[in-house]
PDB file of N, CA and C in Angstrom:
ATOM      1  N   MET A   1     -59.497   5.015   6.082  1.00  0.00           N
ATOM      2  CA  MET A   1     -59.998   3.891   5.329  1.00  0.00           C
ATOM      3  C   MET A   1     -58.834   2.929   5.094  1.00  0.00           C
ATOM      4  N   SER A   2     -59.064   1.661   5.367  1.00  0.00           N
ATOM      5  CA  SER A   2     -58.003   0.676   5.171  1.00  0.00           C
ATOM      6  C   SER A   2     -57.736   0.467   3.677  1.00  0.00           C
ATOM      7  N   ASP A   3     -56.546  -0.022   3.372  1.00  0.00           N
ATOM      8  CA  ASP A   3     -56.178  -0.266   1.974  1.00  0.00           C
ATOM      9  C   ASP A   3     -57.138  -1.244   1.309  1.00  0.00           C
ATOM     10  N   ASP A   4     -57.567  -2.277   2.038  1.00  0.00           N
ATOM     11  CA  ASP A   4     -58.465  -3.274   1.450  1.00  0.00           C
ATOM     12  C   ASP A   4     -59.804  -2.653   1.053  1.00  0.00           C
ATOM     13  N   ILE A   5     -60.349  -1.838   1.923  1.00  0.00           N
ATOM     14  CA  ILE A   5     -61.629  -1.199   1.638  1.00  0.00           C
ATOM     15  C   ILE A   5     -61.465  -0.181   0.513  1.00  0.00           C
ATOM     16  N   TYR A   6     -60.371   0.589   0.557  1.00  0.00           N
ATOM     17  CA  TYR A   6     -60.127   1.578  -0.490  1.00  0.00           C
ATOM     18  C   TYR A   6     -59.979   0.897  -1.851  1.00  0.00           C
ATOM     19  N   GLU A   7     -59.276  -0.242  -1.874  1.00  0.00           N
ATOM     20  CA  GLU A   7     -59.111  -0.976  -3.129  1.00  0.00           C
ATOM     21  C   GLU A   7     -60.469  -1.438  -3.666  1.00  0.00           C
ATOM     22  N   LEU A   8     -61.340  -1.904  -2.805  1.00  0.00           N
ATOM     23  CA  LEU A   8     -62.682  -2.296  -3.240  1.00  0.00           C
ATOM     24  C   LEU A   8     -63.465  -1.096  -3.773  1.00  0.00           C
ATOM     25  N   PHE A   9     -63.270   0.057  -3.139  1.00  0.00           N
ATOM     26  CA  PHE A   9     -63.987   1.273  -3.508  1.00  0.00           C
ATOM     27  C   PHE A   9     -63.555   1.809  -4.868  1.00  0.00           C
ATOM     28  N   VAL A  10     -62.228   1.874  -5.123  1.00  0.00           N
ATOM     29  CA  VAL A  10     -61.738   2.485  -6.361  1.00  0.00           C
ATOM     30  C   VAL A  10     -61.386   1.468  -7.441  1.00  0.00           C
ATOM     31  N   GLY A  11     -61.274   0.213  -7.074  1.00  0.00           N
ATOM     32  CA  GLY A  11     -60.911  -0.815  -8.044  1.00  0.00           C
ATOM     33  C   GLY A  11     -59.434  -1.155  -7.970  1.00  0.00           C
ATOM     34  N   LYS A  12     -59.139  -2.393  -8.323  1.00  0.00           N
ATOM     35  CA  LYS A  12     -57.783  -2.918  -8.191  1.00  0.00           C
ATOM     36  C   LYS A  12     -56.773  -2.152  -9.038  1.00  0.00           C
ATOM     37  N   GLU A  13     -57.125  -1.823 -10.290  1.00  0.00           N
ATOM     38  CA  GLU A  13     -56.186  -1.158 -11.193  1.00  0.00           C
ATOM     39  C   GLU A  13     -55.831   0.238 -10.695  1.00  0.00           C
ATOM     40  N   ARG A  14     -56.840   1.025 -10.328  1.00  0.00           N
ATOM     41  CA  ARG A  14     -56.552   2.378  -9.837  1.00  0.00           C
ATOM     42  C   ARG A  14     -55.771   2.323  -8.524  1.00  0.00           C
ATOM     43  N   PHE A  15     -56.137   1.406  -7.642  1.00  0.00           N
ATOM     44  CA  PHE A  15     -55.427   1.259  -6.375  1.00  0.00           C
ATOM     45  C   PHE A  15     -53.952   0.975  -6.629  1.00  0.00           C
ATOM     46  N   LYS A  16     -53.669   0.052  -7.542  1.00  0.00           N
ATOM     47  CA  LYS A  16     -52.287  -0.309  -7.865  1.00  0.00           C
ATOM     48  C   LYS A  16     -51.527   0.896  -8.420  1.00  0.00           C
ATOM     49  N   LYS A  17     -52.174   1.660  -9.303  1.00  0.00           N
ATOM     50  CA  LYS A  17     -51.524   2.831  -9.888  1.00  0.00           C
ATOM     51  C   LYS A  17     -51.271   3.916  -8.844  1.00  0.00           C
ATOM     52  N   GLU A  18     -52.218   4.112  -7.934  1.00  0.00           N
ATOM     53  CA  GLU A  18     -52.025   5.122  -6.889  1.00  0.00           C
ATOM     54  C   GLU A  18     -50.856   4.757  -5.988  1.00  0.00           C
ATOM     55  N   ARG A  19     -50.735   3.494  -5.629  1.00  0.00           N
ATOM     56  CA  ARG A  19     -49.610   3.067  -4.783  1.00  0.00           C
ATOM     57  C   ARG A  19     -48.299   3.201  -5.548  1.00  0.00           C
ATOM     58  N   GLN A  20     -48.280   2.887  -6.824  1.00  0.00           N
ATOM     59  CA  GLN A  20     -47.086   3.045  -7.653  1.00  0.00           C
ATOM     60  C   GLN A  20     -46.693   4.516  -7.727  1.00  0.00           C
ATOM     61  N   PHE A  21     -47.685   5.393  -7.888  1.00  0.00           N
ATOM     62  CA  PHE A  21     -47.431   6.825  -7.963  1.00  0.00           C
ATOM     63  C   PHE A  21     -46.851   7.343  -6.642  1.00  0.00           C
ATOM     64  N   GLU A  22     -47.408   6.900  -5.519  1.00  0.00           N
ATOM     65  CA  GLU A  22     -46.893   7.315  -4.216  1.00  0.00           C
ATOM     66  C   GLU A  22     -45.425   6.920  -4.059  1.00  0.00           C
ATOM     67  N   LYS A  23     -45.064   5.711  -4.482  1.00  0.00           N
ATOM     68  CA  LYS A  23     -43.671   5.263  -4.401  1.00  0.00           C
ATOM     69  C   LYS A  23     -42.770   6.129  -5.273  1.00  0.00           C
ATOM     70  N   GLU A  24     -43.254   6.489  -6.454  1.00  0.00           N
ATOM     71  CA  GLU A  24     -42.455   7.318  -7.356  1.00  0.00           C
ATOM     72  C   GLU A  24     -42.227   8.701  -6.747  1.00  0.00           C
ATOM     73  N   LEU A  25     -43.245   9.260  -6.120  1.00  0.00           N
ATOM     74  CA  LEU A  25     -43.091  10.570  -5.482  1.00  0.00           C
ATOM     75  C   LEU A  25     -42.096  10.514  -4.326  1.00  0.00           C
ATOM     76  N   LEU A  26     -42.054   9.398  -3.613  1.00  0.00           N
ATOM     77  CA  LEU A  26     -41.111   9.266  -2.505  1.00  0.00           C
ATOM     78  C   LEU A  26     -39.668   9.244  -2.991  1.00  0.00           C
ATOM     79  N   ARG A  27     -39.451   8.858  -4.242  1.00  0.00           N
ATOM     80  CA  ARG A  27     -38.097   8.820  -4.783  1.00  0.00           C
ATOM     81  C   ARG A  27     -37.558  10.220  -5.088  1.00  0.00           C
ATOM     82  N   ILE A  28     -38.428  11.195  -5.233  1.00  0.00           N
ATOM     83  CA  ILE A  28     -38.001  12.552  -5.563  1.00  0.00           C
ATOM     84  C   ILE A  28     -37.391  13.188  -4.315  1.00  0.00           C
ATOM     85  N   LYS A  29     -36.327  13.936  -4.516  1.00  0.00           N
ATOM     86  CA  LYS A  29     -35.515  14.475  -3.415  1.00  0.00           C
ATOM     87  C   LYS A  29     -36.322  15.152  -2.316  1.00  0.00           C
ATOM     88  N   SER A  30     -35.831  14.978  -1.087  1.00  0.00           N
ATOM     89  CA  SER A  30     -36.458  15.652   0.049  1.00  0.00           C
ATOM     90  C   SER A  30     -35.883  17.060   0.187  1.00  0.00           C
ATOM     91  N   ARG A  31     -36.627  17.905   0.876  1.00  0.00           N
ATOM     92  CA  ARG A  31     -36.245  19.300   1.094  1.00  0.00           C
ATOM     93  C   ARG A  31     -36.340  19.597   2.585  1.00  0.00           C
ATOM     94  N   PRO A  32     -35.845  20.758   3.011  1.00  0.00           N
ATOM     95  CA  PRO A  32     -36.017  21.134   4.423  1.00  0.00           C
ATOM     96  C   PRO A  32     -37.511  21.149   4.767  1.00  0.00           C
ATOM     97  N   PRO A  33     -37.866  20.957   6.030  1.00  0.00           N
ATOM     98  CA  PRO A  33     -39.281  20.838   6.403  1.00  0.00           C
ATOM     99  C   PRO A  33     -40.103  22.099   6.131  1.00  0.00           C
ATOM    100  N   LYS A  34     -41.328  21.872   5.689  1.00  0.00           N
ATOM    101  CA  LYS A  34     -42.283  22.973   5.520  1.00  0.00           C
ATOM    102  C   LYS A  34     -42.917  23.294   6.881  1.00  0.00           C
ATOM    103  N   TYR A  35     -43.139  22.258   7.679  1.00  0.00           N
ATOM    104  CA  TYR A  35     -43.729  22.413   9.007  1.00  0.00           C
ATOM    105  C   TYR A  35     -42.684  22.016  10.047  1.00  0.00           C
ATOM    106  N   LYS A  36     -42.574  22.768  11.121  1.00  0.00           N
ATOM    107  CA  LYS A  36     -41.492  22.581  12.082  1.00  0.00           C
ATOM    108  C   LYS A  36     -41.527  21.233  12.799  1.00  0.00           C
ATOM    109  N   ASP A  37     -42.661  20.548  12.837  1.00  0.00           N
ATOM    110  CA  ASP A  37     -42.718  19.259  13.526  1.00  0.00           C
ATOM    111  C   ASP A  37     -42.330  18.084  12.623  1.00  0.00           C
ATOM    112  N   GLU A  38     -41.927  18.347  11.374  1.00  0.00           N
ATOM    113  CA  GLU A  38     -41.506  17.297  10.460  1.00  0.00           C
ATOM    114  C   GLU A  38     -39.989  17.297  10.318  1.00  0.00           C
ATOM    115  N   GLU A  39     -39.442  16.116  10.069  1.00  0.00           N
ATOM    116  CA  GLU A  39     -37.994  15.983   9.907  1.00  0.00           C
ATOM    117  C   GLU A  39     -37.523  16.631   8.611  1.00  0.00           C
ATOM    118  N   HIS A  40     -38.315  16.485   7.555  1.00  0.00           N
ATOM    119  CA  HIS A  40     -38.003  17.108   6.267  1.00  0.00           C
ATOM    120  C   HIS A  40     -39.310  17.382   5.538  1.00  0.00           C
ATOM    121  N   ASP A  41     -39.245  18.195   4.522  1.00  0.00           N
ATOM    122  CA  ASP A  41     -40.441  18.516   3.748  1.00  0.00           C
ATOM    123  C   ASP A  41     -40.890  17.268   3.000  1.00  0.00           C
ATOM    124  N   ARG A  42     -42.161  17.174   2.768  1.00  0.00           N
ATOM    125  CA  ARG A  42     -42.722  16.041   2.047  1.00  0.00           C
ATOM    126  C   ARG A  42     -43.552  16.570   0.889  1.00  0.00           C
ATOM    127  N   LEU A  43     -43.496  15.848  -0.203  1.00  0.00           N
ATOM    128  CA  LEU A  43     -44.247  16.294  -1.381  1.00  0.00           C
ATOM    129  C   LEU A  43     -45.735  16.403  -1.091  1.00  0.00           C
ATOM    130  N   HIS A  44     -46.261  15.531  -0.232  1.00  0.00           N
ATOM    131  CA  HIS A  44     -47.704  15.593   0.031  1.00  0.00           C
ATOM    132  C   HIS A  44     -48.122  16.895   0.716  1.00  0.00           C
ATOM    133  N   ASN A  45     -47.160  17.691   1.160  1.00  0.00           N
ATOM    134  CA  ASN A  45     -47.479  19.014   1.701  1.00  0.00           C
ATOM    135  C   ASN A  45     -47.796  20.018   0.589  1.00  0.00           C
ATOM    136  N   HIS A  46     -47.550  19.652  -0.649  1.00  0.00           N
ATOM    137  CA  HIS A  46     -47.636  20.598  -1.757  1.00  0.00           C
ATOM    138  C   HIS A  46     -48.653  20.233  -2.843  1.00  0.00           C
ATOM    139  N   TYR A  47     -48.996  18.955  -2.974  1.00  0.00           N
ATOM    140  CA  TYR A  47     -49.857  18.568  -4.089  1.00  0.00           C
ATOM    141  C   TYR A  47     -51.251  18.153  -3.641  1.00  0.00           C
ATOM    142  N   LEU A  48     -52.139  18.101  -4.610  1.00  0.00           N
ATOM    143  CA  LEU A  48     -53.514  17.660  -4.397  1.00  0.00           C
ATOM    144  C   LEU A  48     -53.853  16.616  -5.452  1.00  0.00           C
ATOM    145  N   ILE A  49     -54.583  15.591  -5.046  1.00  0.00           N
ATOM    146  CA  ILE A  49     -55.137  14.626  -5.993  1.00  0.00           C
ATOM    147  C   ILE A  49     -56.644  14.659  -5.777  1.00  0.00           C
ATOM    148  N   LEU A  50     -57.356  14.956  -6.829  1.00  0.00           N
ATOM    149  CA  LEU A  50     -58.808  15.010  -6.767  1.00  0.00           C
ATOM    150  C   LEU A  50     -59.376  13.915  -7.646  1.00  0.00           C
ATOM    151  N   GLY A  51     -60.319  13.170  -7.111  1.00  0.00           N
ATOM    152  CA  GLY A  51     -60.939  12.099  -7.878  1.00  0.00           C
ATOM    153  C   GLY A  51     -62.424  12.348  -8.044  1.00  0.00           C
ATOM    154  N   ASP A  52     -62.912  12.123  -9.255  1.00  0.00           N
ATOM    155  CA  ASP A  52     -64.330  12.247  -9.556  1.00  0.00           C
ATOM    156  C   ASP A  52     -64.692  11.082 -10.464  1.00  0.00           C
ATOM    157  N   ASN A  53     -65.338  10.077  -9.887  1.00  0.00           N
ATOM    158  CA  ASN A  53     -65.627   8.833 -10.599  1.00  0.00           C
ATOM    159  C   ASN A  53     -64.333   8.225 -11.106  1.00  0.00           C
ATOM    160  N   ASN A  54     -64.146   8.099 -12.394  1.00  0.00           N
ATOM    161  CA  ASN A  54     -62.932   7.487 -12.932  1.00  0.00           C
ATOM    162  C   ASN A  54     -61.902   8.512 -13.377  1.00  0.00           C
ATOM    163  N   ILE A  55     -62.116   9.788 -13.065  1.00  0.00           N
ATOM    164  CA  ILE A  55     -61.187  10.838 -13.478  1.00  0.00           C
ATOM    165  C   ILE A  55     -60.382  11.289 -12.264  1.00  0.00           C
ATOM    166  N   LEU A  56     -59.053  11.232 -12.401  1.00  0.00           N
ATOM    167  CA  LEU A  56     -58.160  11.723 -11.361  1.00  0.00           C
ATOM    168  C   LEU A  56     -57.462  12.966 -11.860  1.00  0.00           C
ATOM    169  N   ARG A  57     -57.355  13.952 -10.999  1.00  0.00           N
ATOM    170  CA  ARG A  57     -56.638  15.181 -11.330  1.00  0.00           C
ATOM    171  C   ARG A  57     -55.525  15.360 -10.313  1.00  0.00           C
ATOM    172  N   PHE A  58     -54.376  15.802 -10.796  1.00  0.00           N
ATOM    173  CA  PHE A  58     -53.206  15.994  -9.958  1.00  0.00           C
ATOM    174  C   PHE A  58     -52.679  17.401 -10.189  1.00  0.00           C
ATOM    175  N   GLY A  59     -52.350  18.101  -9.122  1.00  0.00           N
ATOM    176  CA  GLY A  59     -51.805  19.446  -9.262  1.00  0.00           C
ATOM    177  C   GLY A  59     -51.152  19.904  -7.972  1.00  0.00           C
ATOM    178  N   PHE A  60     -50.618  21.101  -8.007  1.00  0.00           N
ATOM    179  CA  PHE A  60     -49.901  21.655  -6.864  1.00  0.00           C
ATOM    180  C   PHE A  60     -50.626  22.873  -6.318  1.00  0.00           C
ATOM    181  N   GLU A  61     -50.497  23.076  -5.011  1.00  0.00           N
ATOM    182  CA  GLU A  61     -51.076  24.249  -4.378  1.00  0.00           C
ATOM    183  C   GLU A  61     -50.452  25.505  -4.967  1.00  0.00           C
ATOM    184  N   ASN A  62     -51.231  26.551  -5.091  1.00  0.00           N
ATOM    185  CA  ASN A  62     -50.717  27.803  -5.638  1.00  0.00           C
ATOM    186  C   ASN A  62     -49.569  28.364  -4.813  1.00  0.00           C
ATOM    187  N   GLU A  63     -49.583  28.129  -3.494  1.00  0.00           N
ATOM    188  CA  GLU A  63     -48.558  28.669  -2.607  1.00  0.00           C
ATOM    189  C   GLU A  63     -47.296  27.821  -2.561  1.00  0.00           C
ATOM    190  N   SER A  64     -47.277  26.690  -3.254  1.00  0.00           N
ATOM    191  CA  SER A  64     -46.134  25.787  -3.197  1.00  0.00           C
ATOM    192  C   SER A  64     -44.874  26.480  -3.706  1.00  0.00           C
ATOM    193  N   GLU A  65     -43.799  26.293  -2.952  1.00  0.00           N
ATOM    194  CA  GLU A  65     -42.519  26.871  -3.339  1.00  0.00           C
ATOM    195  C   GLU A  65     -41.568  25.808  -3.882  1.00  0.00           C
ATOM    196  N   LEU A  66     -42.129  24.698  -4.344  1.00  0.00           N
ATOM    197  CA  LEU A  66     -41.288  23.652  -4.920  1.00  0.00           C
ATOM    198  C   LEU A  66     -40.609  24.163  -6.181  1.00  0.00           C
ATOM    199  N   PRO A  67     -39.374  23.739  -6.396  1.00  0.00           N
ATOM    200  CA  PRO A  67     -38.707  24.109  -7.648  1.00  0.00           C
ATOM    201  C   PRO A  67     -39.467  23.548  -8.850  1.00  0.00           C
ATOM    202  N   HIS A  68     -39.458  24.302  -9.918  1.00  0.00           N
ATOM    203  CA  HIS A  68     -40.178  23.919 -11.128  1.00  0.00           C
ATOM    204  C   HIS A  68     -39.747  22.527 -11.605  1.00  0.00           C
ATOM    205  N   GLU A  69     -38.480  22.200 -11.455  1.00  0.00           N
ATOM    206  CA  GLU A  69     -37.952  20.896 -11.868  1.00  0.00           C
ATOM    207  C   GLU A  69     -38.659  19.749 -11.134  1.00  0.00           C
ATOM    208  N   LEU A  70     -38.895  19.911  -9.822  1.00  0.00           N
ATOM    209  CA  LEU A  70     -39.595  18.879  -9.060  1.00  0.00           C
ATOM    210  C   LEU A  70     -41.049  18.758  -9.491  1.00  0.00           C
ATOM    211  N   ILE A  71     -41.680  19.881  -9.760  1.00  0.00           N
ATOM    212  CA  ILE A  71     -43.070  19.855 -10.221  1.00  0.00           C
ATOM    213  C   ILE A  71     -43.168  19.109 -11.548  1.00  0.00           C
ATOM    214  N   LEU A  72     -42.233  19.369 -12.449  1.00  0.00           N
ATOM    215  CA  LEU A  72     -42.228  18.667 -13.734  1.00  0.00           C
ATOM    216  C   LEU A  72     -42.038  17.164 -13.550  1.00  0.00           C
ATOM    217  N   LYS A  73     -41.136  16.761 -12.649  1.00  0.00           N
ATOM    218  CA  LYS A  73     -40.909  15.336 -12.389  1.00  0.00           C
ATOM    219  C   LYS A  73     -42.166  14.671 -11.829  1.00  0.00           C
ATOM    220  N   CYS A  74     -42.834  15.356 -10.920  1.00  0.00           N
ATOM    221  CA  CYS A  74     -44.061  14.806 -10.338  1.00  0.00           C
ATOM    222  C   CYS A  74     -45.157  14.687 -11.392  1.00  0.00           C
ATOM    223  N   ASN A  75     -45.318  15.720 -12.210  1.00  0.00           N
ATOM    224  CA  ASN A  75     -46.321  15.668 -13.281  1.00  0.00           C
ATOM    225  C   ASN A  75     -46.021  14.543 -14.252  1.00  0.00           C
ATOM    226  N   LYS A  76     -44.747  14.338 -14.587  1.00  0.00           N
ATOM    227  CA  LYS A  76     -44.365  13.265 -15.493  1.00  0.00           C
ATOM    228  C   LYS A  76     -44.695  11.913 -14.876  1.00  0.00           C
ATOM    229  N   ALA A  77     -44.373  11.740 -13.590  1.00  0.00           N
ATOM    230  CA  ALA A  77     -44.674  10.479 -12.912  1.00  0.00           C
ATOM    231  C   ALA A  77     -46.172  10.202 -12.945  1.00  0.00           C
ATOM    232  N   PHE A  78     -46.982  11.220 -12.659  1.00  0.00           N
ATOM    233  CA  PHE A  78     -48.435  11.044 -12.687  1.00  0.00           C
ATOM    234  C   PHE A  78     -48.899  10.660 -14.091  1.00  0.00           C
ATOM    235  N   ASN A  79     -48.436  11.388 -15.097  1.00  0.00           N
ATOM    236  CA  ASN A  79     -48.867  11.122 -16.471  1.00  0.00           C
ATOM    237  C   ASN A  79     -48.398   9.751 -16.945  1.00  0.00           C
ATOM    238  N   ASP A  80     -47.191   9.329 -16.573  1.00  0.00           N
ATOM    239  CA  ASP A  80     -46.687   8.015 -16.964  1.00  0.00           C
ATOM    240  C   ASP A  80     -47.505   6.893 -16.352  1.00  0.00           C
ATOM    241  N   ILE A  81     -47.890   7.053 -15.103  1.00  0.00           N
ATOM    242  CA  ILE A  81     -48.604   5.995 -14.390  1.00  0.00           C
ATOM    243  C   ILE A  81     -50.087   5.988 -14.699  1.00  0.00           C
ATOM    244  N   PHE A  82     -50.704   7.153 -14.819  1.00  0.00           N
ATOM    245  CA  PHE A  82     -52.145   7.235 -15.008  1.00  0.00           C
ATOM    246  C   PHE A  82     -52.559   7.537 -16.445  1.00  0.00           C
ATOM    247  N   LYS A  83     -51.655   7.385 -17.397  1.00  0.00           N
ATOM    248  CA  LYS A  83     -52.003   7.676 -18.795  1.00  0.00           C
ATOM    249  C   LYS A  83     -53.174   6.798 -19.233  1.00  0.00           C
ATOM    250  N   GLU A  84     -53.939   7.336 -20.154  1.00  0.00           N
ATOM    251  CA  GLU A  84     -55.090   6.585 -20.686  1.00  0.00           C
ATOM    252  C   GLU A  84     -54.595   5.345 -21.392  1.00  0.00           C
ATOM    253  N   GLU A  85     -55.247   4.243 -21.153  1.00  0.00           N
ATOM    254  CA  GLU A  85     -54.850   2.986 -21.770  1.00  0.00           C
ATOM    255  C   GLU A  85     -55.632   2.747 -23.037  1.00  0.00           C
TER     256      GLU A  85
END
């Protein structure tokens, strides 16, 4: 789905927050690759974002071996960006 269509689907505010959140996650340190065809590990290999109407949920896969410190940073970024207004 293109960004323009996705923005129409979820609304301008949520779209803006999701893009801001993605940028914040990219700032968190990289790790060795989880999959051999990748140059380095990526956070999107470990987390899930679930949306149901206007409710977004963010969490990590049970099998994720990310350090607890990184998980806390990601949770903080999500809560800071998507906090209730």
